[in-house]
Amino acid sequence: MIKPDFIFESSWEVCNKVGGIYTVLSTRAKTLHDAIDDNLIFIGPDCWGEKHSPFFKQDDTLLADWQEEAKKEELNVKVGRWDIPGQPIAILVDFQPYYAKKDEIYAKLWEHFKVDSLHAYGDYDEASMFSYAAGLVVESMYNFLKLQDKKVIYHANEWMTGLGALYIKYKLPAIGTIFTTHATSIGRSIAGNNKPLYDYLWAYDGDQMADELNMQSKHSIEKQTAYNVDCFTTVSDITAKECEELIKPVDVVLPNGFEDDFVPKGAKFTAKRKASRKEVLRLANALTGCQFDDDTLIIGTSGRYEFRNKGIDVFIESLNRLNRDPRLNRRVLAFVDVPAWVGEAREDLKARLADKKAVYDTPLEIPMITHWLHNMSHDNVLGMLKYHDMWNRKEDKVKLIFAPCYLNGDDGLLDMLYYDTLIAKDLTVYPSYYEPWGYTPLESVAFKVPCITTDLAGFGLWANSVKGAYSEIIDGVKTIHRTDYNYSEVADVIKDTVVEFSQFTPAQVKKARTAAEKLSKKALWSEFIKYYYEAYDIALRKAQKA
């Protein structure tokens, strides 16, 4: 197997925390850095300008000679280290100057690779100019560092980096190029537009659907990158099927691994969980005026605000049914931790939380939400709660709280980090309709919190493959069979699983929590990095023949 001497990897989420790709790259970095040290270089967008990035530590002494060369070539870059385990080198590139040459860049892209940029809108130009700038950075470093006799990889993540991968392929064919789609743009669009994706996947034509859904340019750059790089990859078997039908078959599946070094251990874990539960229950009391003892079953969902794709709709539906289930004999406190178009933290709630010893017996107005939204009357979560008349009344066994802010420690109320809220939970629910992998359930089991997911999520399929059958909640993960049309059945299975878990004995709860943690250990990067080396080998062998 041929191993790389140098790896350049680009993504819009390098030093830029947007979604799950940040977690993929930032947790994998240490494993690769341990193998090739500072020959691993990440390239991301300079979105910060004069402001300081909390994820990046600039260091002008790093690659100082090349930085001088970059200035001569009018490449505006910041060089430093990504502030994550492994501390890999990161280069943030200013892509603004290339807008002036946009038409010329797109014309060459059409001429060499037949990429259709005519229908571009939204973030297409921004992503493409960054991707082009990243390609220029790699070209400059490759020539300056004289890497012609080295085995070099350029790894591009998502359609947003496709232009740069094609630029490298055209200008420096000796570099092995890898393209990873974490979710096809057209597949996500089909699902997001409430069309049945899975039953008709075999019948969809990617190009035709791109025309229908006004996705021509994103689909075009993704498709042409997939066809022209040395190795085309995705993150799960379910997305591999999607790629095969809508774009082309992948060469390797690269499952998303994980590092659990930030999960507290032993007594620290127990203390953190106890403290976090106390704060979460205090918040719930201040908002709803109901009292919650430590026997309260705390459950929740989280992730991006894709109401149908992430299964937020079916989660709320299941809670509405759970509230009426006579078998439920414990109080349930459910959270929807999903960033929305948030305004500010509620002053009335902030005032109540200021007194840490106070206990309240009257609810606040709209006792289902922690922060005001800019679009209160058009929000999907609030709309569904109103439709089902879910107002967190005293007599309701199930209370639901919507936390529509980023849980990054400065939400203006509890100021808790996401992982501090996760450790407080007893059970999580991620009933995704469209989920190429699924980091949220993987993070959940790493924190010993059993979860419910579906077999339309890459993680759910993987959990089933580890067990060799459908995984049950006692195994740490309950995987529900989900199709285009069984929404109501899924809601019932979630409800029944929560009831089942609520009736577990302490020994059964411990068994499920232990099984969850054990499963997470099988998804560490030390287990999954071998698939990346397979992709590197394919790309380098193909590039050698170029």
Protein backbone atom coordinates (compact mmCIF):
# COMPACT_ATOMS: atom_id res chain seq x y z
CA MET A 1 0.00 0.00 0.00
CA ILE A 2 1.39 3.39 -1.02
CA LYS A 3 1.34 5.93 1.81
CA PRO A 4 1.48 9.70 1.30
CA ASP A 5 4.43 11.88 2.29
CA PHE A 6 2.30 15.04 2.24
CA ILE A 7 -1.44 15.57 2.69
CA PHE A 8 -3.19 18.82 1.85
CA GLU A 9 -6.82 18.82 2.93
CA SER A 10 -9.32 21.58 2.26
CA SER A 11 -12.78 22.29 3.60
CA TRP A 12 -15.01 25.27 4.26
CA GLU A 13 -15.06 24.01 7.88
CA VAL A 14 -11.30 24.13 8.58
CA CYS A 15 -11.04 26.42 11.63
CA ASN A 16 -14.67 27.32 10.90
CA LYS A 17 -17.22 25.50 13.07
CA VAL A 18 -20.35 25.16 10.92
CA GLY A 19 -21.48 21.54 11.12
CA GLY A 20 -20.45 17.90 11.26
CA ILE A 21 -17.53 18.17 8.82
CA TYR A 22 -15.69 20.29 11.39
CA THR A 23 -15.97 17.34 13.79
CA VAL A 24 -14.81 14.85 11.13
CA LEU A 25 -11.67 16.82 10.30
CA SER A 26 -10.82 18.10 13.78
CA THR A 27 -11.08 14.68 15.47
CA ARG A 28 -9.21 12.87 12.67
CA ALA A 29 -6.35 15.38 12.56
CA LYS A 30 -4.37 13.97 15.50
CA THR A 31 -4.31 10.44 14.07
CA LEU A 32 -2.89 11.71 10.75
CA HIS A 33 -0.58 14.23 12.43
CA ASP A 34 0.90 11.43 14.55
CA ALA A 35 1.71 9.62 11.30
CA ILE A 36 3.20 12.39 9.12
CA ASP A 37 3.71 15.30 11.53
CA ASP A 38 3.67 18.76 9.90
CA ASN A 39 3.40 17.28 6.41
CA LEU A 40 -0.33 17.40 7.10
CA ILE A 41 -1.65 20.83 6.10
CA PHE A 42 -5.28 21.96 6.31
CA ILE A 43 -6.59 24.80 4.15
CA GLY A 44 -9.68 26.77 5.12
CA PRO A 45 -11.39 30.08 4.33
CA ASP A 46 -10.34 33.28 6.06
CA CYS A 47 -13.82 34.29 7.19
CA TRP A 48 -12.50 36.33 10.07
CA GLY A 49 -10.74 39.32 8.51
CA GLU A 50 -9.42 41.49 11.35
CA LYS A 51 -11.32 39.50 13.99
CA HIS A 52 -9.64 36.72 15.95
CA SER A 53 -10.68 33.14 15.19
CA PRO A 54 -11.24 31.11 18.38
CA PHE A 55 -10.09 27.97 16.53
CA PHE A 56 -6.84 29.25 15.00
CA LYS A 57 -3.48 30.30 16.45
CA GLN A 58 -1.53 32.38 13.94
CA ASP A 59 2.23 31.79 13.79
CA ASP A 60 4.24 33.88 11.32
CA THR A 61 7.35 31.75 11.93
CA LEU A 62 5.68 28.67 10.42
CA LEU A 63 6.62 28.16 6.75
CA ALA A 64 8.13 31.66 6.91
CA ASP A 65 10.03 31.36 3.61
CA TRP A 66 6.93 30.19 1.77
CA GLN A 67 4.89 32.99 3.35
CA GLU A 68 7.27 35.46 1.71
CA GLU A 69 6.80 33.68 -1.60
CA ALA A 70 3.00 33.75 -1.16
CA LYS A 71 3.13 37.53 -0.74
CA LYS A 72 5.03 37.84 -4.04
CA GLU A 73 2.34 35.72 -5.69
CA GLU A 74 -0.33 37.98 -4.14
CA LEU A 75 -1.75 35.14 -2.08
CA ASN A 76 -3.24 36.59 1.10
CA VAL A 77 -2.86 33.90 3.74
CA LYS A 78 -2.66 33.43 7.50
CA VAL A 79 -0.48 30.53 8.62
CA GLY A 80 -0.73 28.95 12.04
CA ARG A 81 -2.12 25.96 13.87
CA TRP A 82 -5.65 24.68 14.22
CA ASP A 83 -6.33 24.71 17.95
CA ILE A 84 -7.43 21.07 18.22
CA PRO A 85 -5.74 17.84 19.38
CA GLY A 86 -2.62 17.32 17.25
CA GLN A 87 -2.30 21.09 16.56
CA PRO A 88 -1.90 20.59 12.78
CA ILE A 89 -0.75 23.37 10.48
CA ALA A 90 -3.65 25.34 9.04
CA ILE A 91 -3.61 27.95 6.28
CA LEU A 92 -6.53 30.36 6.07
CA VAL A 93 -6.79 31.96 2.65
CA ASP A 94 -8.47 35.23 1.71
CA PHE A 95 -10.60 34.46 -1.36
CA GLN A 96 -12.17 37.91 -1.85
CA PRO A 97 -9.68 39.08 -4.54
CA TYR A 98 -10.77 36.31 -6.93
CA TYR A 99 -14.33 37.57 -7.36
CA ALA A 100 -12.90 40.04 -9.91
CA LYS A 101 -11.73 37.07 -12.03
CA LYS A 102 -14.86 34.97 -11.41
CA ASP A 103 -16.10 34.88 -15.01
CA GLU A 104 -12.66 33.94 -16.32
CA ILE A 105 -12.32 31.16 -13.70
CA TYR A 106 -15.77 29.75 -14.55
CA ALA A 107 -15.03 29.93 -18.28
CA LYS A 108 -11.91 27.77 -17.83
CA LEU A 109 -13.85 25.40 -15.61
CA TRP A 110 -16.36 24.93 -18.44
CA GLU A 111 -13.62 24.64 -21.05
CA HIS A 112 -11.63 21.96 -19.20
CA PHE A 113 -14.32 20.07 -17.25
CA LYS A 114 -17.74 21.14 -18.61
CA VAL A 115 -18.88 22.44 -15.21
CA ASP A 116 -22.08 24.49 -15.55
CA SER A 117 -21.75 27.66 -13.46
CA LEU A 118 -24.42 29.62 -15.34
CA HIS A 119 -27.15 28.75 -12.85
CA ALA A 120 -25.09 29.61 -9.75
CA TYR A 121 -26.76 31.36 -6.83
CA GLY A 122 -26.50 31.59 -3.05
CA ASP A 123 -23.21 30.32 -1.63
CA TYR A 124 -21.89 28.90 -4.93
CA ASP A 125 -19.64 31.87 -5.78
CA GLU A 126 -18.29 32.18 -2.24
CA ALA A 127 -17.43 28.48 -2.06
CA SER A 128 -15.91 28.44 -5.54
CA MET A 129 -13.67 31.44 -4.97
CA PHE A 130 -12.41 29.88 -1.73
CA SER A 131 -11.85 26.56 -3.48
CA TYR A 132 -9.91 28.25 -6.30
CA ALA A 133 -7.77 30.12 -3.76
CA ALA A 134 -7.07 26.84 -1.92
CA GLY A 135 -5.92 25.31 -5.21
CA LEU A 136 -3.52 28.23 -5.75
CA VAL A 137 -2.10 27.74 -2.23
CA VAL A 138 -1.37 24.06 -2.90
CA GLU A 139 0.17 24.84 -6.31
CA SER A 140 2.42 27.49 -4.76
CA MET A 141 3.56 25.27 -1.87
CA TYR A 142 4.06 22.24 -4.12
CA ASN A 143 6.41 24.19 -6.36
CA PHE A 144 8.17 26.17 -3.61
CA LEU A 145 8.82 23.13 -1.40
CA LYS A 146 9.84 21.08 -4.46
CA LEU A 147 7.46 18.21 -3.74
CA GLN A 148 7.65 16.76 -7.26
CA ASP A 149 9.40 13.61 -6.06
CA LYS A 150 7.11 13.20 -3.04
CA LYS A 151 3.84 11.29 -2.78
CA VAL A 152 1.32 14.09 -2.31
CA ILE A 153 -2.44 13.94 -1.62
CA TYR A 154 -5.00 16.71 -2.09
CA HIS A 155 -8.21 15.86 -0.24
CA ALA A 156 -11.27 18.00 -1.00
CA ASN A 157 -14.41 17.84 1.16
CA GLU A 158 -17.90 18.56 -0.25
CA TRP A 159 -18.94 20.25 -3.51
CA MET A 160 -17.67 23.53 -2.02
CA THR A 161 -14.06 22.43 -2.64
CA GLY A 162 -14.66 20.84 -6.04
CA LEU A 163 -13.26 23.68 -8.14
CA GLY A 164 -9.92 23.55 -6.32
CA ALA A 165 -9.69 19.77 -6.75
CA LEU A 166 -10.27 20.15 -10.51
CA TYR A 167 -7.69 22.95 -10.67
CA ILE A 168 -5.10 20.69 -9.00
CA LYS A 169 -6.06 17.81 -11.29
CA TYR A 170 -5.50 20.00 -14.35
CA LYS A 171 -2.33 21.83 -13.25
CA LEU A 172 -0.61 19.19 -11.07
CA PRO A 173 -1.79 15.72 -12.20
CA ALA A 174 1.01 14.03 -10.17
CA ILE A 175 -0.87 14.93 -6.97
CA GLY A 176 -3.33 12.22 -5.93
CA THR A 177 -6.74 13.86 -5.67
CA ILE A 178 -9.53 12.64 -3.36
CA PHE A 179 -13.05 14.05 -3.25
CA THR A 180 -15.41 13.24 -0.37
CA THR A 181 -19.09 14.07 -0.56
CA HIS A 182 -20.54 14.04 2.95
CA ALA A 183 -24.06 14.26 1.46
CA THR A 184 -24.87 14.72 -2.21
CA SER A 185 -26.28 18.16 -2.91
CA ILE A 186 -29.05 16.72 -5.06
CA GLY A 187 -29.97 13.94 -2.61
CA ARG A 188 -30.23 16.42 0.26
CA SER A 189 -32.35 18.68 -1.97
CA ILE A 190 -34.72 15.85 -2.98
CA ALA A 191 -35.23 14.94 0.69
CA GLY A 192 -35.49 18.58 1.79
CA ASN A 193 -38.20 19.22 -0.81
CA ASN A 194 -40.39 16.48 0.72
CA LYS A 195 -39.93 14.13 -2.22
CA PRO A 196 -39.58 10.39 -1.49
CA LEU A 197 -35.85 9.72 -1.86
CA TYR A 198 -35.39 6.06 -1.06
CA ASP A 199 -38.25 4.15 -2.70
CA TYR A 200 -37.58 5.91 -6.00
CA LEU A 201 -33.80 6.29 -5.76
CA TRP A 202 -33.26 3.78 -8.56
CA ALA A 203 -35.52 5.83 -10.86
CA TYR A 204 -34.10 9.30 -10.21
CA ASP A 205 -31.73 10.87 -12.73
CA GLY A 206 -29.36 13.27 -10.97
CA ASP A 207 -29.11 15.72 -13.88
CA GLN A 208 -32.87 15.78 -14.42
CA MET A 209 -33.56 16.36 -10.71
CA ALA A 210 -30.95 19.13 -10.63
CA ASP A 211 -32.88 20.90 -13.41
CA GLU A 212 -36.18 20.40 -11.61
CA LEU A 213 -34.92 21.64 -8.24
CA ASN A 214 -32.76 24.48 -9.59
CA MET A 215 -29.57 22.79 -8.38
CA GLN A 216 -27.74 22.62 -11.72
CA SER A 217 -24.51 24.35 -10.72
CA LYS A 218 -23.94 22.63 -7.37
CA HIS A 219 -24.78 19.25 -8.89
CA SER A 220 -22.53 19.95 -11.88
CA ILE A 221 -19.42 20.81 -9.85
CA GLU A 222 -20.04 17.82 -7.58
CA LYS A 223 -20.55 15.41 -10.48
CA GLN A 224 -17.59 16.59 -12.56
CA THR A 225 -15.30 16.55 -9.52
CA ALA A 226 -16.42 13.00 -8.71
CA TYR A 227 -15.71 11.87 -12.28
CA ASN A 228 -12.33 13.58 -12.64
CA VAL A 229 -10.52 13.08 -9.31
CA ASP A 230 -8.39 10.02 -8.69
CA CYS A 231 -10.57 8.71 -5.85
CA PHE A 232 -14.23 9.47 -5.14
CA THR A 233 -15.46 8.72 -1.62
CA THR A 234 -18.39 9.20 0.76
CA VAL A 235 -19.07 8.57 4.45
CA SER A 236 -21.54 5.67 4.67
CA ASP A 237 -23.05 2.77 2.77
CA ILE A 238 -26.42 4.52 2.51
CA THR A 239 -24.85 7.60 0.90
CA ALA A 240 -22.77 5.34 -1.35
CA LYS A 241 -26.06 4.04 -2.84
CA GLU A 242 -27.21 7.62 -3.29
CA CYS A 243 -23.94 8.51 -5.06
CA GLU A 244 -24.22 5.49 -7.34
CA GLU A 245 -27.73 6.44 -8.50
CA LEU A 246 -27.35 10.23 -8.66
CA ILE A 247 -23.64 10.75 -9.53
CA LYS A 248 -21.41 7.66 -9.91
CA PRO A 249 -20.21 4.73 -7.76
CA VAL A 250 -17.69 5.61 -5.04
CA ASP A 251 -14.24 4.04 -4.81
CA VAL A 252 -14.14 3.80 -0.99
CA VAL A 253 -16.50 4.48 1.93
CA LEU A 254 -14.78 6.56 4.64
CA PRO A 255 -16.90 6.20 7.82
CA ASN A 256 -16.67 9.10 10.24
CA GLY A 257 -14.59 8.21 13.27
CA PHE A 258 -14.37 9.93 16.60
CA GLU A 259 -11.97 10.79 19.42
CA ASP A 260 -13.32 10.60 22.95
CA ASP A 261 -10.47 12.41 24.70
CA PHE A 262 -12.81 15.24 25.78
CA VAL A 263 -15.28 12.88 27.49
CA PRO A 264 -14.78 13.11 31.30
CA LYS A 265 -13.69 9.90 33.01
CA GLY A 266 -14.55 8.28 36.34
CA ALA A 267 -15.45 10.59 39.21
CA LYS A 268 -15.19 13.66 36.96
CA PHE A 269 -17.88 12.19 34.68
CA THR A 270 -20.21 11.51 37.62
CA ALA A 271 -19.69 15.00 39.06
CA LYS A 272 -20.20 16.70 35.68
CA ARG A 273 -23.39 14.73 35.01
CA LYS A 274 -24.81 15.57 38.45
CA ALA A 275 -24.03 19.29 38.12
CA SER A 276 -25.37 19.50 34.57
CA ARG A 277 -28.63 17.74 35.48
CA LYS A 278 -29.14 20.17 38.34
CA GLU A 279 -28.74 23.18 36.02
CA VAL A 280 -30.98 21.74 33.30
CA LEU A 281 -33.76 20.93 35.80
CA ARG A 282 -33.44 24.42 37.31
CA LEU A 283 -33.90 25.94 33.85
CA ALA A 284 -36.99 23.79 33.26
CA ASN A 285 -38.51 24.88 36.60
CA ALA A 286 -37.88 28.57 35.91
CA LEU A 287 -39.51 28.31 32.47
CA THR A 288 -42.48 26.04 33.17
CA GLY A 289 -43.17 26.60 36.89
CA CYS A 290 -43.17 22.81 37.38
CA GLN A 291 -40.86 21.03 39.79
CA PHE A 292 -38.61 18.24 38.51
CA ASP A 293 -36.90 15.78 40.82
CA ASP A 294 -33.81 13.78 39.85
CA ASP A 295 -35.99 10.86 38.79
CA THR A 296 -37.10 12.96 35.79
CA LEU A 297 -36.24 11.23 32.51
CA ILE A 298 -34.30 13.82 30.49
CA ILE A 299 -34.31 13.17 26.75
CA GLY A 300 -33.51 15.29 23.72
CA THR A 301 -32.58 15.75 20.11
CA SER A 302 -30.06 18.12 18.54
CA GLY A 303 -28.26 18.97 15.31
CA ARG A 304 -28.95 21.18 12.32
CA TYR A 305 -32.38 22.72 11.88
CA GLU A 306 -33.54 20.45 9.06
CA PHE A 307 -37.05 19.87 10.35
CA ARG A 308 -37.90 16.80 8.27
CA ASN A 309 -34.45 15.49 7.33
CA LYS A 310 -33.25 15.31 10.95
CA GLY A 311 -36.58 13.90 12.15
CA ILE A 312 -37.42 16.83 14.46
CA ASP A 313 -41.04 16.58 13.27
CA VAL A 314 -41.40 12.88 14.14
CA PHE A 315 -39.67 13.47 17.52
CA ILE A 316 -42.28 16.07 18.51
CA GLU A 317 -45.06 13.80 17.20
CA SER A 318 -43.78 10.94 19.37
CA LEU A 319 -43.71 13.17 22.48
CA ASN A 320 -47.29 14.26 21.87
CA ARG A 321 -48.33 10.59 21.80
CA LEU A 322 -46.10 9.76 24.77
CA ASN A 323 -47.89 12.37 26.89
CA ARG A 324 -51.13 10.42 26.43
CA ASP A 325 -49.65 6.95 26.97
CA PRO A 326 -51.06 5.46 30.21
CA ARG A 327 -47.96 3.25 30.65
CA LEU A 328 -45.71 6.25 31.27
CA ASN A 329 -45.30 6.63 35.02
CA ARG A 330 -42.30 8.99 35.12
CA ARG A 331 -42.04 12.67 34.32
CA VAL A 332 -40.26 13.28 31.00
CA LEU A 333 -38.37 16.48 30.20
CA ALA A 334 -37.52 16.71 26.50
CA PHE A 335 -35.20 19.19 24.77
CA VAL A 336 -34.93 20.26 21.15
CA ASP A 337 -31.39 21.71 21.09
CA VAL A 338 -31.39 23.03 17.53
CA PRO A 339 -30.03 26.47 16.50
CA ALA A 340 -32.74 28.55 14.81
CA TRP A 341 -33.04 32.22 13.78
CA VAL A 342 -32.43 33.24 17.36
CA GLY A 343 -32.93 36.76 18.67
CA GLU A 344 -31.92 37.12 22.31
CA ALA A 345 -32.14 35.25 25.59
CA ARG A 346 -35.43 35.85 27.39
CA GLU A 347 -35.04 38.56 30.03
CA ASP A 348 -37.89 37.14 32.14
CA LEU A 349 -36.18 33.72 32.20
CA LYS A 350 -32.78 35.29 32.88
CA ALA A 351 -34.23 37.15 35.87
CA ARG A 352 -35.63 33.94 37.33
CA LEU A 353 -32.36 32.05 36.82
CA ALA A 354 -30.38 34.80 38.57
CA ASP A 355 -31.62 33.50 41.92
CA LYS A 356 -30.04 30.05 42.06
CA LYS A 357 -32.05 28.91 45.07
CA ALA A 358 -35.49 30.06 43.96
CA VAL A 359 -38.17 27.51 43.04
CA TYR A 360 -41.10 28.65 40.89
CA ASP A 361 -44.69 27.41 40.67
CA THR A 362 -46.04 29.58 37.85
CA PRO A 363 -45.03 29.33 34.17
CA LEU A 364 -43.65 32.12 32.04
CA GLU A 365 -45.44 33.22 28.88
CA ILE A 366 -44.80 30.68 26.09
CA PRO A 367 -43.16 28.17 28.47
CA MET A 368 -41.65 26.07 25.67
CA ILE A 369 -38.76 28.23 24.46
CA THR A 370 -35.62 29.64 26.09
CA HIS A 371 -34.75 32.43 23.60
CA TRP A 372 -36.94 34.69 21.48
CA LEU A 373 -36.81 34.10 17.73
CA HIS A 374 -36.91 36.60 14.89
CA ASN A 375 -39.65 34.51 13.25
CA MET A 376 -41.76 33.30 16.17
CA SER A 377 -44.93 32.98 14.08
CA HIS A 378 -43.26 31.03 11.26
CA ASP A 379 -41.00 28.64 13.18
CA ASN A 380 -41.57 24.94 12.46
CA VAL A 381 -40.98 23.68 16.02
CA LEU A 382 -43.25 26.27 17.65
CA GLY A 383 -45.82 25.77 14.89
CA MET A 384 -45.99 22.02 15.55
CA LEU A 385 -46.20 22.54 19.32
CA LYS A 386 -49.15 24.90 18.83
CA TYR A 387 -50.81 22.50 16.38
CA HIS A 388 -50.64 19.70 18.97
CA ASP A 389 -51.61 22.07 21.81
CA MET A 390 -48.36 21.24 23.66
CA TRP A 391 -48.05 24.08 26.21
CA ASN A 392 -46.16 22.39 29.07
CA ARG A 393 -49.20 22.42 31.34
CA LYS A 394 -48.86 21.27 34.95
CA GLU A 395 -50.80 18.08 34.24
CA ASP A 396 -48.63 17.11 31.23
CA LYS A 397 -46.36 14.16 32.00
CA VAL A 398 -44.12 15.22 29.09
CA LYS A 399 -42.66 18.73 28.94
CA LEU A 400 -40.76 19.93 25.87
CA ILE A 401 -38.31 22.84 25.81
CA PHE A 402 -36.91 24.36 22.61
CA ALA A 403 -33.38 25.77 23.02
CA PRO A 404 -32.85 27.51 19.64
CA CYS A 405 -29.32 28.79 20.32
CA TYR A 406 -25.81 27.50 19.69
CA LEU A 407 -24.71 25.80 22.90
CA ASN A 408 -21.17 27.18 22.86
CA GLY A 409 -21.04 28.53 26.42
CA ASP A 410 -22.44 32.02 25.83
CA ASP A 411 -26.16 31.53 25.22
CA GLY A 412 -27.01 34.24 27.78
CA LEU A 413 -28.89 31.93 30.17
CA LEU A 414 -27.10 28.87 31.56
CA ASP A 415 -24.07 29.48 29.31
CA MET A 416 -23.50 25.74 29.03
CA LEU A 417 -21.55 23.93 26.33
CA TYR A 418 -23.37 21.35 24.17
CA TYR A 419 -21.49 18.44 25.72
CA ASP A 420 -22.45 19.69 29.20
CA THR A 421 -26.13 19.47 28.23
CA LEU A 422 -25.61 16.09 26.55
CA ILE A 423 -24.07 14.48 29.65
CA ALA A 424 -27.20 15.46 31.63
CA LYS A 425 -29.50 13.40 29.41
CA ASP A 426 -30.75 9.86 29.99
CA LEU A 427 -31.73 9.16 26.39
CA THR A 428 -31.39 10.89 23.02
CA VAL A 429 -33.51 10.61 19.88
CA TYR A 430 -32.24 11.19 16.31
CA PRO A 431 -34.96 9.75 14.04
CA SER A 432 -33.40 11.06 10.82
CA TYR A 433 -34.97 10.74 7.40
CA TYR A 434 -31.81 11.95 5.65
CA GLU A 435 -28.51 11.48 7.52
CA PRO A 436 -25.41 10.37 5.60
CA TRP A 437 -23.57 9.51 8.83
CA GLY A 438 -24.78 11.03 12.10
CA TYR A 439 -22.30 12.51 14.57
CA THR A 440 -24.95 13.43 17.14
CA PRO A 441 -25.82 9.79 17.98
CA LEU A 442 -22.11 8.88 18.01
CA GLU A 443 -21.37 11.73 20.44
CA SER A 444 -24.33 10.59 22.54
CA VAL A 445 -23.10 7.02 23.01
CA ALA A 446 -19.58 8.30 23.73
CA PHE A 447 -21.13 10.11 26.72
CA LYS A 448 -22.84 6.84 27.79
CA VAL A 449 -26.25 8.18 26.73
CA PRO A 450 -28.24 5.49 24.88
CA CYS A 451 -29.91 6.79 21.74
CA ILE A 452 -32.68 6.10 19.24
CA THR A 453 -31.87 6.50 15.54
CA THR A 454 -32.98 5.02 12.20
CA ASP A 455 -31.64 2.81 9.44
CA LEU A 456 -31.75 5.82 7.08
CA ALA A 457 -28.77 7.20 9.04
CA GLY A 458 -25.29 5.90 8.27
CA PHE A 459 -24.60 5.54 11.99
CA GLY A 460 -27.77 3.47 12.51
CA LEU A 461 -26.78 1.09 9.73
CA TRP A 462 -23.30 0.81 11.19
CA ALA A 463 -24.70 0.03 14.68
CA ASN A 464 -26.80 -2.74 13.10
CA SER A 465 -23.74 -4.11 11.28
CA VAL A 466 -21.77 -4.28 14.54
CA LYS A 467 -24.56 -6.27 16.20
CA GLY A 468 -25.41 -8.30 13.08
CA ALA A 469 -29.11 -7.51 13.58
CA TYR A 470 -31.34 -4.55 14.40
CA SER A 471 -29.89 -2.87 17.47
CA GLU A 472 -32.18 -2.44 20.51
CA ILE A 473 -32.08 0.15 23.30
CA ILE A 474 -30.54 -2.35 25.75
CA ASP A 475 -27.62 -2.52 23.24
CA GLY A 476 -27.08 1.24 23.70
CA VAL A 477 -28.66 2.15 20.35
CA LYS A 478 -32.20 1.51 19.15
CA THR A 479 -32.25 1.49 15.34
CA ILE A 480 -35.74 1.98 13.90
CA HIS A 481 -36.61 0.86 10.37
CA ARG A 482 -37.63 4.02 8.52
CA THR A 483 -38.98 4.41 4.97
CA ASP A 484 -40.41 7.21 2.86
CA TYR A 485 -43.90 6.50 4.19
CA ASN A 486 -43.87 5.07 7.75
CA TYR A 487 -43.70 8.37 9.71
CA SER A 488 -46.55 7.41 12.05
CA GLU A 489 -45.08 3.99 12.77
CA VAL A 490 -41.70 5.58 13.59
CA ALA A 491 -43.39 7.99 16.02
CA ASP A 492 -45.02 5.04 17.78
CA VAL A 493 -41.76 3.08 18.02
CA ILE A 494 -40.01 6.12 19.55
CA LYS A 495 -42.86 6.49 22.06
CA ASP A 496 -42.76 2.78 22.94
CA THR A 497 -38.97 2.80 23.30
CA VAL A 498 -39.07 5.77 25.68
CA VAL A 499 -41.73 3.99 27.75
CA GLU A 500 -39.61 0.81 27.75
CA PHE A 501 -36.49 2.73 28.83
CA SER A 502 -38.43 4.61 31.52
CA GLN A 503 -39.35 1.26 33.11
CA PHE A 504 -35.79 -0.13 33.09
CA THR A 505 -34.36 -1.23 36.41
CA PRO A 506 -31.13 0.52 37.52
CA ALA A 507 -29.24 -2.61 36.38
CA GLN A 508 -30.80 -2.42 32.90
CA VAL A 509 -30.03 1.30 32.63
CA LYS A 510 -26.41 0.59 33.58
CA LYS A 511 -26.25 -2.21 30.98
CA ALA A 512 -27.58 0.08 28.23
CA ARG A 513 -25.20 2.92 29.20
CA THR A 514 -22.21 0.56 29.29
CA ALA A 515 -23.18 -0.91 25.89
CA ALA A 516 -23.46 2.61 24.44
CA GLU A 517 -19.95 3.53 25.60
CA LYS A 518 -18.56 0.22 24.36
CA LEU A 519 -20.06 0.77 20.90
CA SER A 520 -18.52 4.25 20.68
CA LYS A 521 -15.04 2.73 21.18
CA LYS A 522 -15.51 0.78 17.93
CA ALA A 523 -15.89 4.07 16.04
CA LEU A 524 -12.62 5.64 17.19
CA TRP A 525 -10.31 6.94 14.46
CA SER A 526 -7.80 4.23 15.34
CA GLU A 527 -10.41 1.80 13.96
CA PHE A 528 -11.52 3.80 10.90
CA ILE A 529 -8.30 5.46 9.64
CA LYS A 530 -7.46 2.34 7.58
CA TYR A 531 -10.15 3.30 5.07
CA TYR A 532 -8.39 6.63 4.47
CA TYR A 533 -5.12 4.86 3.73
CA GLU A 534 -6.99 2.73 1.21
CA ALA A 535 -8.23 5.93 -0.48
CA TYR A 536 -4.72 7.46 -0.42
CA ASP A 537 -3.35 4.32 -2.06
CA ILE A 538 -5.97 4.38 -4.84
CA ALA A 539 -5.41 8.09 -5.52
CA LEU A 540 -1.60 7.88 -5.56
CA ARG A 541 -1.55 4.82 -7.85
CA LYS A 542 -3.90 6.50 -10.31
CA ALA A 543 -1.92 9.76 -10.21
CA GLN A 544 1.30 7.86 -10.96
CA LYS A 545 -0.25 6.66 -14.21
CA ALA A 546 -1.30 10.18 -15.23
